[in-house]
């Protein structure tokens, strides 16, 4: 079994956990990758969501040997036997614990932004991660949750090796795992998109869950739509804040979809600024299986242009494009049409070189955002600027950021830059 991304895994996992809905459970996600999975589970079960911050305690000079784990609220799960047999003095072990306590406190504060921790005492607690390799962290989380007073502990993951699942049955009262492949080397091989989950996404999902606004669709801002383009029906999410005068269409990059956490984070920032957004899949699920389709830029651009006409037939709004990676090439290609009437374009980590034959025809004001450490793409964008002679354009380099803008604060800067560009030109 392979998952498209963490949100897809979370929705599938939620179905396997439906039997717990009547238990009034609490859902706790392990940071960072476990949170997008846990978010979907919590929404499906109507359960509160929180992060479970756990720090394993490793013996000094032999850190892979754990002598315990700590959690919030002063919870300690210590193996006195391992600590004693390690031959390390009590002061050194205590120093490890103090250092990990400091890290734990910083992480909890950062992810919750000052909100109170959800108390699991006396509750059925579902501990969620995006997958398990060895199971050490998951086991520690289950032990910490039990020490916090949970009445029942359920460990839920999309994928794990069979031996790890067998070991974890002693740490949890119930283990729910959708797939236990014998040929297992890494969690990421079972996902089409296993890019890192940025801190900003964790913070956003936890805040949305705490505010009771699971998704824009549940607040009436976002609507699921079926976009007609290129002779196929494409799934999409259209968000139109009250009074929106423009809408930004997202063209996703290679291996991504409308569920892209990075693009959804940018879309949320645009929605907060009063801009509408349309996130939709340029490829059908069947087409996504063929990697070559991701680089069929002319075909993708044609679908984007068709989707733009579809949108304009429904809404009388100015339109902008936000493209990521190969999706940026599709956006630039489509915008070069004489009748495109696109008001502005933003490219995040884009590959404008893939739209080279059409760059000279782009007339919409274009902002190119690239990570400072993504040196090859920086060069490609600089070269593209020389070709885009008919439009206002600017290159913004985010210092220290790599291609996916996973570094702390990097995606926030992308969202701010995009918001300001669209606000100015749309």
Protein backbone atom coordinates (compact mmCIF):
# COMPACT_ATOMS: atom_id res chain seq x y z
CA UNK A 1 0.00 0.00 0.00
CA UNK A 2 1.36 3.41 -0.96
CA UNK A 3 0.08 6.79 0.19
CA UNK A 4 -0.02 9.98 -1.87
CA UNK A 5 0.99 12.18 1.07
CA UNK A 6 0.45 12.44 4.82
CA UNK A 7 -3.05 13.89 4.52
CA UNK A 8 -4.08 10.94 2.35
CA UNK A 9 -2.57 8.54 4.90
CA UNK A 10 -4.44 10.32 7.70
CA UNK A 11 -7.80 10.01 5.97
CA UNK A 12 -7.27 6.32 5.34
CA UNK A 13 -6.08 5.76 8.90
CA UNK A 14 -9.15 7.56 10.23
CA UNK A 15 -11.39 4.99 8.57
CA UNK A 16 -9.60 2.21 10.44
CA UNK A 17 -10.13 4.08 13.73
CA UNK A 18 -13.87 4.75 13.36
CA UNK A 19 -14.62 2.20 16.08
CA UNK A 20 -13.05 4.57 18.62
CA UNK A 21 -15.27 7.56 17.83
CA UNK A 22 -17.70 6.71 20.63
CA UNK A 23 -14.87 6.58 23.19
CA UNK A 24 -14.44 10.39 23.17
CA UNK A 25 -10.74 10.01 22.33
CA UNK A 26 -7.86 12.47 22.33
CA UNK A 27 -5.54 12.42 19.30
CA UNK A 28 -1.86 13.15 19.89
CA UNK A 29 0.50 13.51 16.94
CA UNK A 30 4.25 13.06 17.04
CA UNK A 31 6.09 16.02 15.54
CA UNK A 32 6.66 16.82 12.88
CA UNK A 33 5.41 14.36 10.26
CA UNK A 34 2.81 12.79 12.52
CA UNK A 35 0.81 16.00 12.87
CA UNK A 36 -0.66 16.16 9.31
CA UNK A 37 -1.72 12.52 9.70
CA UNK A 38 -3.13 13.12 13.19
CA UNK A 39 -4.99 16.23 12.00
CA UNK A 40 -7.04 14.18 9.52
CA UNK A 41 -7.72 11.51 12.17
CA UNK A 42 -8.87 14.07 14.74
CA UNK A 43 -11.21 15.78 12.28
CA UNK A 44 -12.79 12.49 11.18
CA UNK A 45 -13.35 11.40 14.79
CA UNK A 46 -14.42 14.81 16.06
CA UNK A 47 -11.62 14.59 18.63
CA UNK A 48 -9.31 17.21 20.13
CA UNK A 49 -5.84 17.30 18.62
CA UNK A 50 -2.57 18.02 20.37
CA UNK A 51 1.11 17.37 19.90
CA UNK A 52 2.90 14.77 22.03
CA UNK A 53 6.42 16.04 22.61
CA UNK A 54 8.71 13.27 23.83
CA UNK A 55 12.46 13.26 24.27
CA UNK A 56 14.38 10.02 24.47
CA UNK A 57 17.24 9.94 26.95
CA UNK A 58 20.41 8.42 25.56
CA UNK A 59 23.33 7.23 27.61
CA UNK A 60 26.29 9.65 27.19
CA UNK A 61 28.86 8.41 24.68
CA UNK A 62 26.34 5.75 23.58
CA UNK A 63 23.27 7.80 22.67
CA UNK A 64 21.54 5.04 20.71
CA UNK A 65 21.17 3.19 24.04
CA UNK A 66 18.16 4.79 25.70
CA UNK A 67 17.81 4.78 29.45
CA UNK A 68 14.39 6.43 29.41
CA UNK A 69 12.17 9.15 28.05
CA UNK A 70 10.58 12.34 29.31
CA UNK A 71 7.37 14.16 28.47
CA UNK A 72 5.64 17.35 29.46
CA UNK A 73 4.43 17.95 32.98
CA UNK A 74 7.55 16.44 34.49
CA UNK A 75 6.71 12.91 33.28
CA UNK A 76 9.72 10.58 33.46
CA UNK A 77 9.92 6.99 32.29
CA UNK A 78 13.32 5.74 33.39
CA UNK A 79 14.89 2.29 33.17
CA UNK A 80 16.92 2.23 36.36
CA UNK A 81 18.50 -1.07 35.28
CA UNK A 82 19.89 0.36 32.02
CA UNK A 83 21.00 3.54 33.77
CA UNK A 84 22.84 1.51 36.41
CA UNK A 85 24.47 -0.89 33.96
CA UNK A 86 25.61 1.89 31.63
CA UNK A 87 28.50 2.65 33.98
CA UNK A 88 27.83 6.38 33.65
CA UNK A 89 27.60 8.52 36.76
CA UNK A 90 24.31 9.91 38.02
CA UNK A 91 25.40 13.49 37.41
CA UNK A 92 26.11 12.80 33.73
CA UNK A 93 22.75 11.08 33.30
CA UNK A 94 21.05 13.99 35.04
CA UNK A 95 22.81 16.41 32.69
CA UNK A 96 21.36 14.55 29.70
CA UNK A 97 17.90 14.81 31.21
CA UNK A 98 18.24 18.56 31.87
CA UNK A 99 19.39 19.20 28.31
CA UNK A 100 16.49 17.22 26.85
CA UNK A 101 14.01 18.97 29.17
CA UNK A 102 15.13 22.31 27.75
CA UNK A 103 14.63 21.10 24.17
CA UNK A 104 11.25 19.63 25.07
CA UNK A 105 10.07 22.90 26.60
CA UNK A 106 11.16 24.91 23.54
CA UNK A 107 9.41 22.56 21.14
CA UNK A 108 6.18 22.49 23.12
CA UNK A 109 6.10 26.28 23.33
CA UNK A 110 6.84 26.70 19.63
CA UNK A 111 4.23 24.23 18.43
CA UNK A 112 1.40 25.31 20.75
CA UNK A 113 2.10 29.04 20.79
CA UNK A 114 1.23 29.26 24.47
CA UNK A 115 -1.97 27.17 24.40
CA UNK A 116 -2.57 24.78 27.29
CA UNK A 117 -1.77 21.11 26.79
CA UNK A 118 -4.73 18.77 26.27
CA UNK A 119 -4.94 16.60 29.38
CA UNK A 120 -5.06 12.88 28.45
CA UNK A 121 -5.79 11.67 32.01
CA UNK A 122 -8.64 9.18 32.10
CA UNK A 123 -9.13 9.32 28.29
CA UNK A 124 -8.61 6.98 25.37
CA UNK A 125 -5.54 8.42 23.67
CA UNK A 126 -4.64 7.77 20.03
CA UNK A 127 -0.93 8.34 19.41
CA UNK A 128 -0.32 8.99 15.70
CA UNK A 129 2.82 9.09 13.56
CA UNK A 130 3.37 9.03 9.80
CA UNK A 131 5.12 5.67 10.00
CA UNK A 132 7.47 3.59 12.09
CA UNK A 133 10.98 2.35 11.38
CA UNK A 134 12.38 1.01 14.67
CA UNK A 135 9.48 2.07 16.89
CA UNK A 136 11.66 3.54 19.65
CA UNK A 137 10.04 6.98 19.57
CA UNK A 138 6.52 5.57 19.29
CA UNK A 139 7.14 3.26 22.25
CA UNK A 140 8.47 6.14 24.32
CA UNK A 141 5.42 8.24 23.43
CA UNK A 142 3.07 5.45 24.51
CA UNK A 143 4.90 5.07 27.81
CA UNK A 144 4.81 8.80 28.47
CA UNK A 145 1.09 9.04 27.64
CA UNK A 146 0.36 6.15 29.99
CA UNK A 147 2.38 7.88 32.71
CA UNK A 148 0.24 10.97 32.12
CA UNK A 149 -2.78 8.96 33.22
CA UNK A 150 -4.34 7.81 29.93
CA UNK A 151 -6.98 5.14 30.50
CA UNK A 152 -6.22 3.44 27.18
CA UNK A 153 -3.42 3.95 24.67
CA UNK A 154 -3.89 3.24 20.96
CA UNK A 155 -0.94 3.59 18.59
CA UNK A 156 -1.99 4.35 15.00
CA UNK A 157 0.32 4.57 11.99
CA UNK A 158 -0.09 4.13 8.23
CA UNK A 159 2.92 1.87 7.72
CA UNK A 160 5.51 -0.08 9.73
CA UNK A 161 7.58 -3.27 9.44
CA UNK A 162 5.93 -6.38 10.95
CA UNK A 163 8.57 -6.88 13.67
CA UNK A 164 8.18 -3.30 14.93
CA UNK A 165 4.41 -3.68 15.15
CA UNK A 166 4.84 -6.90 17.11
CA UNK A 167 7.16 -5.18 19.61
CA UNK A 168 4.87 -2.19 20.02
CA UNK A 169 1.89 -4.31 21.03
CA UNK A 170 3.49 -4.44 24.49
CA UNK A 171 3.69 -0.63 24.67
CA UNK A 172 0.09 0.13 23.59
CA UNK A 173 -3.27 -1.43 24.37
CA UNK A 174 -4.03 -1.51 20.65
CA UNK A 175 -1.93 -0.99 17.53
CA UNK A 176 -3.63 0.04 14.29
CA UNK A 177 -1.35 -0.15 11.24
CA UNK A 178 -2.69 -0.08 7.69
CA UNK A 179 0.30 -1.68 6.00
CA UNK A 180 3.06 -3.97 7.31
CA UNK A 181 5.27 -4.74 4.29
CA UNK A 182 8.00 -7.30 4.83
CA UNK A 183 10.31 -5.59 2.35
CA UNK A 184 10.74 -2.44 4.45
CA UNK A 185 13.73 -0.11 4.44
CA UNK A 186 12.31 3.36 5.18
CA UNK A 187 8.97 5.01 5.87
CA UNK A 188 9.37 7.43 2.97
CA UNK A 189 9.36 4.71 0.33
CA UNK A 190 5.64 4.16 1.02
CA UNK A 191 4.71 7.77 0.21
CA UNK A 192 4.67 9.51 -3.16
CA UNK A 193 5.29 12.80 -1.34
CA UNK A 194 7.32 12.43 1.86
CA UNK A 195 8.84 15.88 1.96
CA UNK A 196 9.65 17.22 5.41
CA UNK A 197 6.87 18.82 7.42
CA UNK A 198 7.92 22.39 8.29
CA UNK A 199 7.38 23.78 11.79
CA UNK A 200 4.99 26.33 10.32
CA UNK A 201 2.66 23.60 9.12
CA UNK A 202 2.64 21.94 12.55
CA UNK A 203 1.81 25.27 14.21
CA UNK A 204 -0.92 26.02 11.66
CA UNK A 205 -2.63 22.63 11.95
CA UNK A 206 -2.59 22.67 15.74
CA UNK A 207 -3.96 26.23 15.78
CA UNK A 208 -6.73 25.34 13.34
CA UNK A 209 -7.70 22.30 15.38
CA UNK A 210 -7.68 24.29 18.63
CA UNK A 211 -9.86 26.99 17.08
CA UNK A 212 -12.32 24.41 15.84
CA UNK A 213 -11.63 25.36 12.23
CA UNK A 214 -10.49 22.05 10.84
CA UNK A 215 -10.36 23.30 7.30
CA UNK A 216 -11.67 26.24 5.31
CA UNK A 217 -14.33 23.94 3.80
CA UNK A 218 -15.86 23.40 7.24
CA UNK A 219 -16.13 27.13 7.90
CA UNK A 220 -17.92 27.80 4.65
CA UNK A 221 -14.95 29.60 3.08
CA UNK A 222 -13.67 26.66 1.03
CA UNK A 223 -15.73 24.50 -1.31
CA UNK A 224 -14.79 21.27 -3.02
CA UNK A 225 -15.18 21.69 -6.76
CA UNK A 226 -14.73 19.66 -9.92
CA UNK A 227 -12.66 21.61 -12.42
CA UNK A 228 -13.23 20.83 -16.09
CA UNK A 229 -9.95 21.05 -17.98
CA UNK A 230 -8.35 19.23 -20.88
CA UNK A 231 -11.31 16.91 -21.26
CA UNK A 232 -11.01 15.56 -17.69
CA UNK A 233 -12.55 16.43 -14.33
CA UNK A 234 -9.97 17.55 -11.77
CA UNK A 235 -10.60 17.72 -8.00
CA UNK A 236 -10.14 21.16 -6.48
CA UNK A 237 -10.68 23.31 -3.40
CA UNK A 238 -12.00 26.84 -4.02
CA UNK A 239 -11.75 29.33 -1.14
CA UNK A 240 -13.42 32.71 -1.52
CA UNK A 241 -13.27 34.94 1.57
CA UNK A 242 -16.08 37.45 1.83
CA UNK A 243 -15.42 40.43 -0.42
CA UNK A 244 -12.57 38.78 -2.35
CA UNK A 245 -11.82 40.74 -5.50
CA UNK A 246 -9.27 38.31 -6.92
CA UNK A 247 -8.41 34.63 -6.84
CA UNK A 248 -5.01 32.94 -7.04
CA UNK A 249 -4.81 29.61 -8.86
CA UNK A 250 -2.13 27.18 -7.65
CA UNK A 251 -0.12 25.05 -10.07
CA UNK A 252 1.57 22.32 -8.07
CA UNK A 253 5.02 20.93 -8.65
CA UNK A 254 6.37 17.48 -9.41
CA UNK A 255 4.99 14.72 -7.21
CA UNK A 256 2.63 17.11 -5.43
CA UNK A 257 -1.09 17.83 -5.42
CA UNK A 258 -3.70 20.24 -4.11
CA UNK A 259 -2.97 18.77 -0.66
CA UNK A 260 0.60 20.10 -0.72
CA UNK A 261 1.22 21.38 2.83
CA UNK A 262 3.52 24.14 1.59
CA UNK A 263 1.05 25.47 -0.96
CA UNK A 264 -1.83 25.19 1.49
CA UNK A 265 0.15 27.21 4.02
CA UNK A 266 0.67 29.95 1.42
CA UNK A 267 -3.00 29.73 0.40
CA UNK A 268 -4.08 30.19 4.02
CA UNK A 269 -1.97 33.37 4.24
CA UNK A 270 -3.59 34.68 1.04
CA UNK A 271 -7.07 33.86 2.38
CA UNK A 272 -6.32 35.77 5.58
CA UNK A 273 -5.41 38.75 3.40
CA UNK A 274 -8.79 38.54 1.66
CA UNK A 275 -7.63 36.83 -1.54
CA UNK A 276 -9.44 33.84 -2.98
CA UNK A 277 -7.53 30.64 -3.84
CA UNK A 278 -8.11 27.63 -6.06
CA UNK A 279 -5.95 24.60 -5.35
CA UNK A 280 -6.60 21.78 -7.79
CA UNK A 281 -4.88 18.71 -9.17
CA UNK A 282 -3.45 19.17 -12.64
CA UNK A 283 -3.29 15.37 -13.03
CA UNK A 284 -5.84 12.67 -12.33
CA UNK A 285 -4.90 9.95 -9.78
CA UNK A 286 -4.26 7.53 -12.64
CA UNK A 287 -1.99 10.02 -14.45
CA UNK A 288 0.03 10.73 -11.30
CA UNK A 289 1.43 7.20 -11.49
CA UNK A 290 3.40 8.04 -14.64
CA UNK A 291 6.31 10.30 -13.65
CA UNK A 292 6.67 11.58 -17.22
CA UNK A 293 3.35 13.43 -16.93
CA UNK A 294 4.84 15.74 -14.30
CA UNK A 295 7.19 17.17 -16.94
CA UNK A 296 4.62 17.46 -19.74
CA UNK A 297 4.63 21.23 -19.25
CA UNK A 298 2.67 22.12 -22.37
CA UNK A 299 -0.12 19.70 -21.41
CA UNK A 300 -0.19 20.99 -17.82
CA UNK A 301 -0.25 24.58 -19.05
CA UNK A 302 -3.17 23.76 -21.31
CA UNK A 303 -5.09 22.37 -18.39
CA UNK A 304 -4.28 25.42 -16.30
CA UNK A 305 -5.57 27.66 -19.09
CA UNK A 306 -8.75 25.56 -19.36
CA UNK A 307 -9.19 25.72 -15.58
CA UNK A 308 -8.82 29.50 -15.74
CA UNK A 309 -11.63 29.72 -18.29
CA UNK A 310 -13.73 27.40 -16.10
CA UNK A 311 -13.13 29.64 -13.09
CA UNK A 312 -13.97 32.81 -14.99
CA UNK A 313 -17.23 31.25 -16.14
CA UNK A 314 -18.20 30.97 -12.46
CA UNK A 315 -16.59 34.01 -10.83
CA UNK A 316 -15.99 37.53 -12.15
CA UNK A 317 -12.64 38.04 -10.42
CA UNK A 318 -9.11 38.99 -11.37
CA UNK A 319 -6.88 35.92 -11.59
CA UNK A 320 -3.29 35.31 -10.51
CA UNK A 321 -1.09 32.21 -10.68
CA UNK A 322 1.09 30.72 -7.93
CA UNK A 323 3.38 28.02 -9.31
CA UNK A 324 5.78 25.73 -7.47
CA UNK A 325 8.68 23.82 -9.04
CA UNK A 326 7.48 22.38 -12.39
CA UNK A 327 4.08 23.95 -11.74
CA UNK A 328 5.71 27.37 -12.07
CA UNK A 329 6.74 26.45 -15.62
CA UNK A 330 3.14 25.51 -16.41
CA UNK A 331 1.94 28.84 -14.97
CA UNK A 332 4.41 30.87 -17.04
CA UNK A 333 3.60 28.88 -20.18
CA UNK A 334 -0.16 29.41 -19.73
CA UNK A 335 0.27 33.12 -18.90
CA UNK A 336 2.11 33.70 -22.17
CA UNK A 337 -1.12 33.19 -24.16
CA UNK A 338 -2.28 36.45 -25.72
CA UNK A 339 -5.76 36.13 -24.19
CA UNK A 340 -4.69 34.84 -20.74
CA UNK A 341 -5.32 38.17 -18.91
CA UNK A 342 -3.42 36.95 -15.83
CA UNK A 343 -2.95 39.75 -13.30
CA UNK A 344 0.18 38.50 -11.50
CA UNK A 345 2.39 35.43 -11.09
CA UNK A 346 4.45 34.15 -8.17
CA UNK A 347 6.90 31.29 -8.60
CA UNK A 348 8.20 29.34 -5.57
CA UNK A 349 11.35 27.36 -6.25
CA UNK A 350 10.24 27.36 -9.87
CA UNK A 351 11.73 25.80 -12.97
CA UNK A 352 11.14 28.59 -15.51
CA UNK A 353 13.68 26.97 -17.82
CA UNK A 354 11.03 24.34 -18.63
CA UNK A 355 8.92 27.15 -20.12
CA UNK A 356 11.83 28.72 -22.00
CA UNK A 357 10.08 28.87 -25.43
CA UNK A 358 7.29 30.99 -23.90
CA UNK A 359 9.04 33.27 -21.42
CA UNK A 360 9.32 36.17 -23.84
CA UNK A 361 5.52 36.20 -24.14
CA UNK A 362 4.77 36.58 -20.42
CA UNK A 363 3.27 40.00 -19.68
CA UNK A 364 1.94 39.53 -16.13
CA UNK A 365 4.07 40.98 -13.30
CA UNK A 366 6.12 38.02 -12.07
CA UNK A 367 7.83 37.41 -8.72
CA UNK A 368 10.43 34.64 -8.64
CA UNK A 369 11.16 33.30 -5.13
CA UNK A 370 14.12 30.96 -4.68
CA UNK A 371 15.99 29.58 -1.69
CA UNK A 372 19.51 30.90 -1.27
CA UNK A 373 20.93 27.39 -0.94
CA UNK A 374 19.08 26.17 -4.04
CA UNK A 375 21.95 27.41 -6.18
CA UNK A 376 21.12 25.65 -9.45
CA UNK A 377 17.55 26.95 -9.41
CA UNK A 378 18.79 30.44 -8.49
CA UNK A 379 20.85 30.42 -11.70
CA UNK A 380 17.91 29.12 -13.75
CA UNK A 381 15.68 31.92 -12.45
CA UNK A 382 18.31 34.58 -13.15
CA UNK A 383 18.56 33.35 -16.71
CA UNK A 384 14.76 33.38 -17.02
CA UNK A 385 14.67 37.03 -15.95
CA UNK A 386 16.72 37.92 -19.00
CA UNK A 387 14.09 36.32 -21.25
CA UNK A 388 11.08 37.95 -19.58
CA UNK A 389 11.44 41.33 -21.25
CA UNK A 390 7.74 42.17 -21.63
CA UNK A 391 6.79 42.09 -17.95
CA UNK A 392 7.76 43.57 -14.62
CA UNK A 393 9.70 40.88 -12.76
CA UNK A 394 11.68 40.52 -9.58
CA UNK A 395 13.85 37.79 -8.07
CA UNK A 396 13.67 37.33 -4.29
CA UNK A 397 16.23 35.02 -2.70
CA UNK A 398 15.35 33.70 0.75
CA UNK A 399 18.68 33.41 2.63
CA UNK A 400 19.55 29.94 3.95
CA UNK A 401 16.52 28.26 2.39
CA UNK A 402 16.68 25.09 0.30
CA UNK A 403 14.39 24.02 -2.53
CA UNK A 404 11.39 23.09 -0.33
CA UNK A 405 11.76 26.04 2.08
CA UNK A 406 11.71 23.67 5.07
CA UNK A 407 13.94 25.84 7.24
CA UNK A 408 12.31 27.68 10.19
CA UNK A 409 10.65 30.87 8.95
CA UNK A 410 11.43 30.24 5.27
CA UNK A 411 7.90 29.33 4.22
CA UNK A 412 6.50 32.26 6.21
CA UNK A 413 8.71 34.57 4.17
CA UNK A 414 7.46 32.99 0.94
CA UNK A 415 3.86 33.54 2.06
CA UNK A 416 4.53 37.17 2.99
CA UNK A 417 6.24 37.90 -0.31
CA UNK A 418 3.46 36.24 -2.30
CA UNK A 419 0.73 38.01 -0.34
CA UNK A 420 2.30 41.42 -0.88
CA UNK A 421 2.90 40.80 -4.60
CA UNK A 422 -0.65 39.67 -5.26
CA UNK A 423 -2.13 42.43 -3.07
CA UNK A 424 -0.19 45.01 -5.07
CA UNK A 425 -0.93 43.67 -8.56
CA UNK A 426 -4.38 42.15 -8.14
